[in-house]
């Protein structure tokens, strides 16, 4: 892997992310798309996957995919947080330089 540095000498986000990071970022949108496709396909797909159909509101494929998408959203939240803090840090650096 080729590491690219920025002005501070730290690794830039895309270079530091690596294959595992990209896989983690791919999980939430994949589950969201699967939930959308399950919703479009209708409830007929749930019939073959569930022995006790209609027992719980959380039974079925659609709620499972929505929950999996929510549980796998942590890498996206971390990435957004890092970018916001980096943007805040660079804007404060610009203010310090202009004074």
C-alpha atoms as a PDB file:
ATOM      1  CA  UNK A   1       0.000   0.000   0.000  1.00  0.00           C
ATOM      2  CA  UNK A   2       1.259   3.454  -0.835  1.00  0.00           C
ATOM      3  CA  UNK A   3       0.940   5.930   1.993  1.00  0.00           C
ATOM      4  CA  UNK A   4       0.348   9.548   1.128  1.00  0.00           C
ATOM      5  CA  UNK A   5       1.081  12.227   3.673  1.00  0.00           C
ATOM      6  CA  UNK A   6      -0.332  15.705   4.072  1.00  0.00           C
ATOM      7  CA  UNK A   7       1.351  18.899   5.316  1.00  0.00           C
ATOM      8  CA  UNK A   8       1.382  17.708   8.925  1.00  0.00           C
ATOM      9  CA  UNK A   9       3.108  14.432   8.044  1.00  0.00           C
ATOM     10  CA  UNK A  10       0.098  12.319   8.999  1.00  0.00           C
ATOM     11  CA  UNK A  11      -1.332   9.837   6.549  1.00  0.00           C
ATOM     12  CA  UNK A  12      -4.227  11.125   4.487  1.00  0.00           C
ATOM     13  CA  UNK A  13      -7.612   9.483   5.045  1.00  0.00           C
ATOM     14  CA  UNK A  14      -7.869   7.472   1.791  1.00  0.00           C
ATOM     15  CA  UNK A  15      -4.326   6.122   2.124  1.00  0.00           C
ATOM     16  CA  UNK A  16      -4.757   5.192   5.778  1.00  0.00           C
ATOM     17  CA  UNK A  17      -8.141   3.554   5.295  1.00  0.00           C
ATOM     18  CA  UNK A  18      -6.991   0.302   3.689  1.00  0.00           C
ATOM     19  CA  UNK A  19      -9.050  -2.609   2.425  1.00  0.00           C
ATOM     20  CA  UNK A  20     -10.694  -3.386   5.771  1.00  0.00           C
ATOM     21  CA  UNK A  21     -11.802   0.211   6.131  1.00  0.00           C
ATOM     22  CA  UNK A  22     -13.333   0.241   2.654  1.00  0.00           C
ATOM     23  CA  UNK A  23     -15.115  -3.015   3.406  1.00  0.00           C
ATOM     24  CA  UNK A  24     -16.492  -1.505   6.609  1.00  0.00           C
ATOM     25  CA  UNK A  25     -17.719   1.531   4.674  1.00  0.00           C
ATOM     26  CA  UNK A  26     -19.377  -0.726   2.089  1.00  0.00           C
ATOM     27  CA  UNK A  27     -21.469  -2.653   4.640  1.00  0.00           C
ATOM     28  CA  UNK A  28     -24.043   0.007   5.596  1.00  0.00           C
ATOM     29  CA  UNK A  29     -24.983   1.064   2.048  1.00  0.00           C
ATOM     30  CA  UNK A  30     -25.115  -2.583   0.959  1.00  0.00           C
ATOM     31  CA  UNK A  31     -27.590  -3.447   3.706  1.00  0.00           C
ATOM     32  CA  UNK A  32     -29.605  -0.302   2.913  1.00  0.00           C
ATOM     33  CA  UNK A  33     -29.869  -1.350  -0.747  1.00  0.00           C
ATOM     34  CA  UNK A  34     -30.843  -4.866   0.294  1.00  0.00           C
ATOM     35  CA  UNK A  35     -33.586  -3.417   2.536  1.00  0.00           C
ATOM     36  CA  UNK A  36     -34.833  -1.303  -0.355  1.00  0.00           C
ATOM     37  CA  UNK A  37     -34.870  -4.281  -2.704  1.00  0.00           C
ATOM     38  CA  UNK A  38     -36.676  -6.380  -0.100  1.00  0.00           C
ATOM     39  CA  UNK A  39     -39.274  -3.644   0.291  1.00  0.00           C
ATOM     40  CA  UNK A  40     -39.749  -3.401  -3.479  1.00  0.00           C
ATOM     41  CA  UNK A  41     -39.975  -7.204  -3.848  1.00  0.00           C
ATOM     42  CA  UNK A  42     -42.752  -7.296  -1.272  1.00  0.00           C
ATOM     43  CA  UNK A  43     -43.465  -9.555   1.674  1.00  0.00           C
ATOM     44  CA  UNK A  44     -43.490 -12.728  -0.424  1.00  0.00           C
ATOM     45  CA  UNK A  45     -39.742 -13.160   0.047  1.00  0.00           C
ATOM     46  CA  UNK A  46     -40.238 -13.230   3.830  1.00  0.00           C
ATOM     47  CA  UNK A  47     -42.490 -16.264   3.585  1.00  0.00           C
ATOM     48  CA  UNK A  48     -39.716 -18.616   2.545  1.00  0.00           C
ATOM     49  CA  UNK A  49     -37.241 -17.248   5.106  1.00  0.00           C
ATOM     50  CA  UNK A  50     -39.411 -17.288   8.206  1.00  0.00           C
ATOM     51  CA  UNK A  51     -41.068 -20.332   9.768  1.00  0.00           C
ATOM     52  CA  UNK A  52     -43.169 -18.257  12.196  1.00  0.00           C
ATOM     53  CA  UNK A  53     -44.348 -15.452   9.923  1.00  0.00           C
ATOM     54  CA  UNK A  54     -45.886 -12.427  11.642  1.00  0.00           C
ATOM     55  CA  UNK A  55     -44.880 -13.329  15.203  1.00  0.00           C
ATOM     56  CA  UNK A  56     -42.883 -10.187  15.866  1.00  0.00           C
ATOM     57  CA  UNK A  57     -42.683  -6.798  14.155  1.00  0.00           C
ATOM     58  CA  UNK A  58     -38.908  -7.340  14.014  1.00  0.00           C
ATOM     59  CA  UNK A  59     -39.222 -10.667  12.232  1.00  0.00           C
ATOM     60  CA  UNK A  60     -38.584 -10.659   8.528  1.00  0.00           C
ATOM     61  CA  UNK A  61     -35.870  -9.573   6.167  1.00  0.00           C
ATOM     62  CA  UNK A  62     -36.683  -5.858   5.898  1.00  0.00           C
ATOM     63  CA  UNK A  63     -36.250  -5.048   9.611  1.00  0.00           C
ATOM     64  CA  UNK A  64     -33.124  -7.217   9.700  1.00  0.00           C
ATOM     65  CA  UNK A  65     -31.510  -5.307   6.829  1.00  0.00           C
ATOM     66  CA  UNK A  66     -32.482  -1.939   8.333  1.00  0.00           C
ATOM     67  CA  UNK A  67     -31.001  -2.930  11.697  1.00  0.00           C
ATOM     68  CA  UNK A  68     -27.832  -4.269  10.074  1.00  0.00           C
ATOM     69  CA  UNK A  69     -27.450  -1.024   8.148  1.00  0.00           C
ATOM     70  CA  UNK A  70     -27.827   0.966  11.388  1.00  0.00           C
ATOM     71  CA  UNK A  71     -25.371  -1.246  13.267  1.00  0.00           C
ATOM     72  CA  UNK A  72     -22.776  -0.933  10.492  1.00  0.00           C
ATOM     73  CA  UNK A  73     -23.015   2.863  10.241  1.00  0.00           C
ATOM     74  CA  UNK A  74     -20.207   3.458  12.782  1.00  0.00           C
ATOM     75  CA  UNK A  75     -17.425   3.675  10.150  1.00  0.00           C
ATOM     76  CA  UNK A  76     -19.421   6.350   8.292  1.00  0.00           C
ATOM     77  CA  UNK A  77     -19.944   8.333  11.497  1.00  0.00           C
ATOM     78  CA  UNK A  78     -16.219   8.122  12.302  1.00  0.00           C
ATOM     79  CA  UNK A  79     -15.295   9.274   8.795  1.00  0.00           C
ATOM     80  CA  UNK A  80     -17.696  12.231   8.989  1.00  0.00           C
ATOM     81  CA  UNK A  81     -16.371  13.145  12.433  1.00  0.00           C
ATOM     82  CA  UNK A  82     -12.756  13.039  11.238  1.00  0.00           C
ATOM     83  CA  UNK A  83     -13.499  15.185   8.213  1.00  0.00           C
ATOM     84  CA  UNK A  84     -15.381  17.748  10.283  1.00  0.00           C
ATOM     85  CA  UNK A  85     -12.591  17.983  12.843  1.00  0.00           C
ATOM     86  CA  UNK A  86     -10.001  18.238  10.055  1.00  0.00           C
ATOM     87  CA  UNK A  87     -12.002  20.997   8.365  1.00  0.00           C
ATOM     88  CA  UNK A  88     -12.379  22.813  11.677  1.00  0.00           C
ATOM     89  CA  UNK A  89      -8.655  22.498  12.329  1.00  0.00           C
ATOM     90  CA  UNK A  90      -7.694  23.818   8.902  1.00  0.00           C
ATOM     91  CA  UNK A  91     -10.082  26.771   9.164  1.00  0.00           C
ATOM     92  CA  UNK A  92      -8.637  27.693  12.547  1.00  0.00           C
ATOM     93  CA  UNK A  93      -5.131  27.410  11.123  1.00  0.00           C
ATOM     94  CA  UNK A  94      -6.098  29.897   8.404  1.00  0.00           C
ATOM     95  CA  UNK A  95      -7.368  32.334  11.017  1.00  0.00           C
ATOM     96  CA  UNK A  96      -4.139  32.063  13.003  1.00  0.00           C
ATOM     97  CA  UNK A  97      -2.002  32.671   9.937  1.00  0.00           C
ATOM     98  CA  UNK A  98      -3.961  35.761   8.872  1.00  0.00           C
ATOM     99  CA  UNK A  99      -3.519  37.522  12.219  1.00  0.00           C
END
